[in-house]
PDB file of N, CA and C in Angstrom:
ATOM      1  N   MET A   1       0.843  -1.181   0.000  1.00  0.00           N
ATOM      2  CA  MET A   1       0.000   0.000   0.000  1.00  0.00           C
ATOM      3  C   MET A   1       0.885   1.240   0.000  1.00  0.00           C
ATOM      4  N   ALA A   2       0.522   2.224  -0.784  1.00  0.00           N
ATOM      5  CA  ALA A   2       1.305   3.457  -0.890  1.00  0.00           C
ATOM      6  C   ALA A   2       1.137   4.305   0.361  1.00  0.00           C
ATOM      7  N   SER A   3       2.188   5.030   0.688  1.00  0.00           N
ATOM      8  CA  SER A   3       2.098   5.917   1.847  1.00  0.00           C
ATOM      9  C   SER A   3       1.355   7.195   1.457  1.00  0.00           C
ATOM     10  N   LEU A   4       0.832   7.862   2.469  1.00  0.00           N
ATOM     11  CA  LEU A   4       0.138   9.131   2.245  1.00  0.00           C
ATOM     12  C   LEU A   4       1.158  10.222   1.960  1.00  0.00           C
ATOM     13  N   PRO A   5       0.865  11.101   1.020  1.00  0.00           N
ATOM     14  CA  PRO A   5       1.811  12.180   0.732  1.00  0.00           C
ATOM     15  C   PRO A   5       1.894  13.169   1.883  1.00  0.00           C
ATOM     16  N   THR A   6       3.046  13.735   2.058  1.00  0.00           N
ATOM     17  CA  THR A   6       3.247  14.761   3.081  1.00  0.00           C
ATOM     18  C   THR A   6       2.921  16.115   2.462  1.00  0.00           C
ATOM     19  N   PRO A   7       1.986  16.861   3.085  1.00  0.00           N
ATOM     20  CA  PRO A   7       1.659  18.177   2.516  1.00  0.00           C
ATOM     21  C   PRO A   7       2.863  19.111   2.585  1.00  0.00           C
ATOM     22  N   PRO A   8       2.964  20.023   1.634  1.00  0.00           N
ATOM     23  CA  PRO A   8       4.084  20.978   1.662  1.00  0.00           C
ATOM     24  C   PRO A   8       3.994  21.883   2.885  1.00  0.00           C
ATOM     25  N   ALA A   9       5.129  22.365   3.307  1.00  0.00           N
ATOM     26  CA  ALA A   9       5.170  23.269   4.458  1.00  0.00           C
ATOM     27  C   ALA A   9       4.574  24.620   4.072  1.00  0.00           C
ATOM     28  N   GLN A  10       3.919  25.233   5.028  1.00  0.00           N
ATOM     29  CA  GLN A  10       3.359  26.575   4.827  1.00  0.00           C
ATOM     30  C   GLN A  10       4.278  27.590   5.479  1.00  0.00           C
ATOM     31  N   PRO A  11       4.231  28.825   5.026  1.00  0.00           N
ATOM     32  CA  PRO A  11       5.020  29.870   5.685  1.00  0.00           C
ATOM     33  C   PRO A  11       4.623  29.995   7.162  1.00  0.00           C
ATOM     34  N   ASP A  12       5.593  30.281   7.983  1.00  0.00           N
ATOM     35  CA  ASP A  12       5.343  30.494   9.408  1.00  0.00           C
ATOM     36  C   ASP A  12       4.927  31.951   9.569  1.00  0.00           C
ATOM     37  N   ASP A  13       3.627  32.189   9.468  1.00  0.00           N
ATOM     38  CA  ASP A  13       3.097  33.549   9.404  1.00  0.00           C
ATOM     39  C   ASP A  13       1.751  33.573  10.122  1.00  0.00           C
ATOM     40  N   THR A  14       1.389  34.678  10.710  1.00  0.00           N
ATOM     41  CA  THR A  14       0.084  34.783  11.362  1.00  0.00           C
ATOM     42  C   THR A  14      -0.863  35.598  10.494  1.00  0.00           C
ATOM     43  N   ALA A  15      -2.047  35.076  10.283  1.00  0.00           N
ATOM     44  CA  ALA A  15      -3.045  35.738   9.443  1.00  0.00           C
ATOM     45  C   ALA A  15      -3.434  37.106  10.006  1.00  0.00           C
ATOM     46  N   GLU A  16      -3.487  37.224  11.316  1.00  0.00           N
ATOM     47  CA  GLU A  16      -3.924  38.478  11.942  1.00  0.00           C
ATOM     48  C   GLU A  16      -3.003  39.645  11.614  1.00  0.00           C
ATOM     49  N   SER A  17      -1.753  39.354  11.252  1.00  0.00           N
ATOM     50  CA  SER A  17      -0.807  40.440  10.981  1.00  0.00           C
ATOM     51  C   SER A  17      -1.134  41.215   9.702  1.00  0.00           C
ATOM     52  N   TYR A  18      -2.036  40.676   8.862  1.00  0.00           N
ATOM     53  CA  TYR A  18      -2.396  41.338   7.611  1.00  0.00           C
ATOM     54  C   TYR A  18      -3.610  42.255   7.751  1.00  0.00           C
ATOM     55  N   VAL A  19      -4.395  42.065   8.790  1.00  0.00           N
ATOM     56  CA  VAL A  19      -5.605  42.867   8.976  1.00  0.00           C
ATOM     57  C   VAL A  19      -5.214  44.323   9.209  1.00  0.00           C
ATOM     58  N   GLY A  20      -5.847  45.209   8.437  1.00  0.00           N
ATOM     59  CA  GLY A  20      -5.576  46.637   8.533  1.00  0.00           C
ATOM     60  C   GLY A  20      -4.615  47.147   7.475  1.00  0.00           C
ATOM     61  N   LEU A  21      -3.937  46.241   6.774  1.00  0.00           N
ATOM     62  CA  LEU A  21      -3.012  46.661   5.722  1.00  0.00           C
ATOM     63  C   LEU A  21      -3.773  46.982   4.436  1.00  0.00           C
ATOM     64  N   ALA A  22      -3.185  47.803   3.589  1.00  0.00           N
ATOM     65  CA  ALA A  22      -3.728  48.022   2.246  1.00  0.00           C
ATOM     66  C   ALA A  22      -3.611  46.707   1.482  1.00  0.00           C
ATOM     67  N   ALA A  23      -4.570  46.422   0.617  1.00  0.00           N
ATOM     68  CA  ALA A  23      -4.621  45.143  -0.083  1.00  0.00           C
ATOM     69  C   ALA A  23      -3.349  44.866  -0.879  1.00  0.00           C
ATOM     70  N   ASP A  24      -2.834  45.856  -1.596  1.00  0.00           N
ATOM     71  CA  ASP A  24      -1.631  45.625  -2.406  1.00  0.00           C
ATOM     72  C   ASP A  24      -0.404  45.388  -1.536  1.00  0.00           C
ATOM     73  N   ALA A  25      -0.296  46.100  -0.418  1.00  0.00           N
ATOM     74  CA  ALA A  25       0.820  45.897   0.507  1.00  0.00           C
ATOM     75  C   ALA A  25       0.728  44.524   1.156  1.00  0.00           C
ATOM     76  N   ALA A  26      -0.483  44.092   1.506  1.00  0.00           N
ATOM     77  CA  ALA A  26      -0.673  42.770   2.104  1.00  0.00           C
ATOM     78  C   ALA A  26      -0.280  41.669   1.127  1.00  0.00           C
ATOM     79  N   GLU A  27      -0.645  41.829  -0.138  1.00  0.00           N
ATOM     80  CA  GLU A  27      -0.279  40.818  -1.135  1.00  0.00           C
ATOM     81  C   GLU A  27       1.236  40.749  -1.315  1.00  0.00           C
ATOM     82  N   ARG A  28       1.891  41.895  -1.418  1.00  0.00           N
ATOM     83  CA  ARG A  28       3.355  41.896  -1.558  1.00  0.00           C
ATOM     84  C   ARG A  28       4.016  41.229  -0.357  1.00  0.00           C
ATOM     85  N   GLN A  29       3.537  41.544   0.832  1.00  0.00           N
ATOM     86  CA  GLN A  29       4.105  40.962   2.056  1.00  0.00           C
ATOM     87  C   GLN A  29       3.889  39.457   2.076  1.00  0.00           C
ATOM     88  N   ALA A  30       2.688  39.000   1.722  1.00  0.00           N
ATOM     89  CA  ALA A  30       2.392  37.570   1.738  1.00  0.00           C
ATOM     90  C   ALA A  30       3.285  36.815   0.755  1.00  0.00           C
ATOM     91  N   ARG A  31       3.437  37.348  -0.438  1.00  0.00           N
ATOM     92  CA  ARG A  31       4.283  36.683  -1.445  1.00  0.00           C
ATOM     93  C   ARG A  31       5.745  36.673  -1.007  1.00  0.00           C
ATOM     94  N   SER A  32       6.207  37.748  -0.377  1.00  0.00           N
ATOM     95  CA  SER A  32       7.600  37.793   0.081  1.00  0.00           C
ATOM     96  C   SER A  32       7.843  36.812   1.228  1.00  0.00           C
ATOM     97  N   ARG A  33       6.802  36.457   1.955  1.00  0.00           N
ATOM     98  CA  ARG A  33       6.932  35.500   3.062  1.00  0.00           C
ATOM     99  C   ARG A  33       6.725  34.054   2.613  1.00  0.00           C
ATOM    100  N   GLY A  34       6.444  33.854   1.304  1.00  0.00           N
ATOM    101  CA  GLY A  34       6.400  32.493   0.790  1.00  0.00           C
ATOM    102  C   GLY A  34       5.043  31.906   0.478  1.00  0.00           C
ATOM    103  N   TRP A  35       3.974  32.681   0.556  1.00  0.00           N
ATOM    104  CA  TRP A  35       2.652  32.146   0.209  1.00  0.00           C
ATOM    105  C   TRP A  35       2.577  31.944  -1.307  1.00  0.00           C
ATOM    106  N   ASP A  36       2.168  30.741  -1.717  1.00  0.00           N
ATOM    107  CA  ASP A  36       2.059  30.420  -3.147  1.00  0.00           C
ATOM    108  C   ASP A  36       0.861  31.104  -3.789  1.00  0.00           C
ATOM    109  N   THR A  37      -0.257  31.093  -3.078  1.00  0.00           N
ATOM    110  CA  THR A  37      -1.496  31.662  -3.609  1.00  0.00           C
ATOM    111  C   THR A  37      -2.008  32.714  -2.645  1.00  0.00           C
ATOM    112  N   VAL A  38      -2.285  33.893  -3.174  1.00  0.00           N
ATOM    113  CA  VAL A  38      -2.851  34.986  -2.388  1.00  0.00           C
ATOM    114  C   VAL A  38      -4.178  35.336  -3.039  1.00  0.00           C
ATOM    115  N   ARG A  39      -5.257  35.221  -2.261  1.00  0.00           N
ATOM    116  CA  ARG A  39      -6.597  35.465  -2.809  1.00  0.00           C
ATOM    117  C   ARG A  39      -7.250  36.599  -2.029  1.00  0.00           C
ATOM    118  N   ALA A  40      -7.663  37.645  -2.749  1.00  0.00           N
ATOM    119  CA  ALA A  40      -8.356  38.790  -2.145  1.00  0.00           C
ATOM    120  C   ALA A  40      -9.778  38.813  -2.674  1.00  0.00           C
ATOM    121  N   VAL A  41     -10.742  38.871  -1.758  1.00  0.00           N
ATOM    122  CA  VAL A  41     -12.153  38.843  -2.150  1.00  0.00           C
ATOM    123  C   VAL A  41     -12.930  39.905  -1.384  1.00  0.00           C
ATOM    124  N   PRO A  42     -14.019  40.419  -1.977  1.00  0.00           N
ATOM    125  CA  PRO A  42     -14.875  41.359  -1.252  1.00  0.00           C
ATOM    126  C   PRO A  42     -15.746  40.604  -0.243  1.00  0.00           C
ATOM    127  N   PRO A  43     -16.305  41.298   0.745  1.00  0.00           N
ATOM    128  CA  PRO A  43     -17.177  40.656   1.723  1.00  0.00           C
ATOM    129  C   PRO A  43     -18.374  39.997   1.028  1.00  0.00           C
ATOM    130  N   GLY A  44     -18.789  38.871   1.555  1.00  0.00           N
ATOM    131  CA  GLY A  44     -19.969  38.191   1.045  1.00  0.00           C
ATOM    132  C   GLY A  44     -19.732  37.308  -0.161  1.00  0.00           C
ATOM    133  N   THR A  45     -18.478  37.202  -0.604  1.00  0.00           N
ATOM    134  CA  THR A  45     -18.166  36.358  -1.747  1.00  0.00           C
ATOM    135  C   THR A  45     -18.337  34.888  -1.364  1.00  0.00           C
ATOM    136  N   PHE A  46     -18.979  34.123  -2.220  1.00  0.00           N
ATOM    137  CA  PHE A  46     -19.123  32.691  -1.996  1.00  0.00           C
ATOM    138  C   PHE A  46     -17.828  31.999  -2.403  1.00  0.00           C
ATOM    139  N   LEU A  47     -17.263  31.219  -1.492  1.00  0.00           N
ATOM    140  CA  LEU A  47     -16.016  30.505  -1.742  1.00  0.00           C
ATOM    141  C   LEU A  47     -16.189  29.041  -1.386  1.00  0.00           C
ATOM    142  N   THR A  48     -15.441  28.191  -2.067  1.00  0.00           N
ATOM    143  CA  THR A  48     -15.421  26.794  -1.663  1.00  0.00           C
ATOM    144  C   THR A  48     -14.624  26.684  -0.376  1.00  0.00           C
ATOM    145  N   MET A  49     -14.858  25.651   0.380  1.00  0.00           N
ATOM    146  CA  MET A  49     -14.247  25.529   1.695  1.00  0.00           C
ATOM    147  C   MET A  49     -13.084  24.536   1.749  1.00  0.00           C
ATOM    148  N   GLU A  50     -12.567  24.099   0.585  1.00  0.00           N
ATOM    149  CA  GLU A  50     -11.451  23.157   0.633  1.00  0.00           C
ATOM    150  C   GLU A  50     -10.211  23.868   1.177  1.00  0.00           C
ATOM    151  N   PHE A  51      -9.412  23.116   1.903  1.00  0.00           N
ATOM    152  CA  PHE A  51      -8.187  23.670   2.469  1.00  0.00           C
ATOM    153  C   PHE A  51      -7.062  23.440   1.481  1.00  0.00           C
ATOM    154  N   ARG A  52      -6.341  24.499   1.158  1.00  0.00           N
ATOM    155  CA  ARG A  52      -5.188  24.373   0.263  1.00  0.00           C
ATOM    156  C   ARG A  52      -3.952  24.882   0.982  1.00  0.00           C
ATOM    157  N   HIS A  53      -2.944  24.018   1.085  1.00  0.00           N
ATOM    158  CA  HIS A  53      -1.676  24.428   1.678  1.00  0.00           C
ATOM    159  C   HIS A  53      -1.068  25.523   0.813  1.00  0.00           C
ATOM    160  N   GLY A  54      -0.478  26.504   1.447  1.00  0.00           N
ATOM    161  CA  GLY A  54       0.204  27.563   0.719  1.00  0.00           C
ATOM    162  C   GLY A  54      -0.694  28.688   0.236  1.00  0.00           C
ATOM    163  N   ARG A  55      -1.975  28.685   0.675  1.00  0.00           N
ATOM    164  CA  ARG A  55      -2.882  29.758   0.238  1.00  0.00           C
ATOM    165  C   ARG A  55      -3.274  30.613   1.436  1.00  0.00           C
ATOM    166  N   ILE A  56      -3.273  31.928   1.225  1.00  0.00           N
ATOM    167  CA  ILE A  56      -3.760  32.869   2.229  1.00  0.00           C
ATOM    168  C   ILE A  56      -4.866  33.693   1.572  1.00  0.00           C
ATOM    169  N   ASN A  57      -5.906  33.962   2.332  1.00  0.00           N
ATOM    170  CA  ASN A  57      -7.092  34.648   1.824  1.00  0.00           C
ATOM    171  C   ASN A  57      -7.281  35.975   2.548  1.00  0.00           C
ATOM    172  N   PHE A  58      -7.603  36.999   1.784  1.00  0.00           N
ATOM    173  CA  PHE A  58      -7.891  38.316   2.350  1.00  0.00           C
ATOM    174  C   PHE A  58      -9.312  38.715   1.999  1.00  0.00           C
ATOM    175  N   GLN A  59     -10.056  39.181   2.990  1.00  0.00           N
ATOM    176  CA  GLN A  59     -11.320  39.870   2.715  1.00  0.00           C
ATOM    177  C   GLN A  59     -10.976  41.349   2.668  1.00  0.00           C
ATOM    178  N   VAL A  60     -11.315  41.990   1.558  1.00  0.00           N
ATOM    179  CA  VAL A  60     -10.904  43.374   1.339  1.00  0.00           C
ATOM    180  C   VAL A  60     -12.130  44.270   1.215  1.00  0.00           C
ATOM    181  N   GLU A  61     -12.160  45.324   2.024  1.00  0.00           N
ATOM    182  CA  GLU A  61     -13.214  46.339   1.956  1.00  0.00           C
ATOM    183  C   GLU A  61     -12.544  47.694   1.795  1.00  0.00           C
ATOM    184  N   GLY A  62     -12.884  48.401   0.715  1.00  0.00           N
ATOM    185  CA  GLY A  62     -12.312  49.735   0.493  1.00  0.00           C
ATOM    186  C   GLY A  62     -10.803  49.726   0.441  1.00  0.00           C
ATOM    187  N   ASP A  63     -10.208  48.719  -0.185  1.00  0.00           N
ATOM    188  CA  ASP A  63      -8.764  48.558  -0.348  1.00  0.00           C
ATOM    189  C   ASP A  63      -8.023  48.261   0.960  1.00  0.00           C
ATOM    190  N   THR A  64      -8.749  47.843   2.011  1.00  0.00           N
ATOM    191  CA  THR A  64      -8.122  47.480   3.277  1.00  0.00           C
ATOM    192  C   THR A  64      -8.499  46.051   3.641  1.00  0.00           C
ATOM    193  N   VAL A  65      -7.528  45.278   4.095  1.00  0.00           N
ATOM    194  CA  VAL A  65      -7.780  43.907   4.538  1.00  0.00           C
ATOM    195  C   VAL A  65      -8.529  43.970   5.865  1.00  0.00           C
ATOM    196  N   THR A  66      -9.737  43.383   5.901  1.00  0.00           N
ATOM    197  CA  THR A  66     -10.542  43.397   7.127  1.00  0.00           C
ATOM    198  C   THR A  66     -10.607  42.028   7.796  1.00  0.00           C
ATOM    199  N   ARG A  67     -10.209  40.994   7.050  1.00  0.00           N
ATOM    200  CA  ARG A  67     -10.204  39.627   7.600  1.00  0.00           C
ATOM    201  C   ARG A  67      -9.175  38.832   6.810  1.00  0.00           C
ATOM    202  N   CYS A  68      -8.536  37.886   7.465  1.00  0.00           N
ATOM    203  CA  CYS A  68      -7.533  37.067   6.800  1.00  0.00           C
ATOM    204  C   CYS A  68      -7.570  35.670   7.369  1.00  0.00           C
ATOM    205  N   TRP A  69      -7.460  34.676   6.499  1.00  0.00           N
ATOM    206  CA  TRP A  69      -7.411  33.282   6.951  1.00  0.00           C
ATOM    207  C   TRP A  69      -6.555  32.473   6.005  1.00  0.00           C
ATOM    208  N   VAL A  70      -6.066  31.356   6.525  1.00  0.00           N
ATOM    209  CA  VAL A  70      -5.164  30.476   5.789  1.00  0.00           C
ATOM    210  C   VAL A  70      -5.932  29.305   5.220  1.00  0.00           C
ATOM    211  N   GLY A  71      -5.537  28.866   4.043  1.00  0.00           N
ATOM    212  CA  GLY A  71      -6.134  27.674   3.442  1.00  0.00           C
ATOM    213  C   GLY A  71      -6.920  28.023   2.272  1.00  0.00           C
TER     214      GLY A  71
END
């Protein structure tokens, strides 16, 4: 039987540190810290709930990050 794959490592970063930043500055910071996928969405956007290693999500209102989560 084949072994289970090991998920890739994620950046050692806290999502809360992005709240309050301008959206473009938050994206640059996230990419510089190693996030593969950076997703910015407006409030109320319908998203799938699958967890993806290496992805960070920003909820953006008026060009400011108001919420951030990993996966």
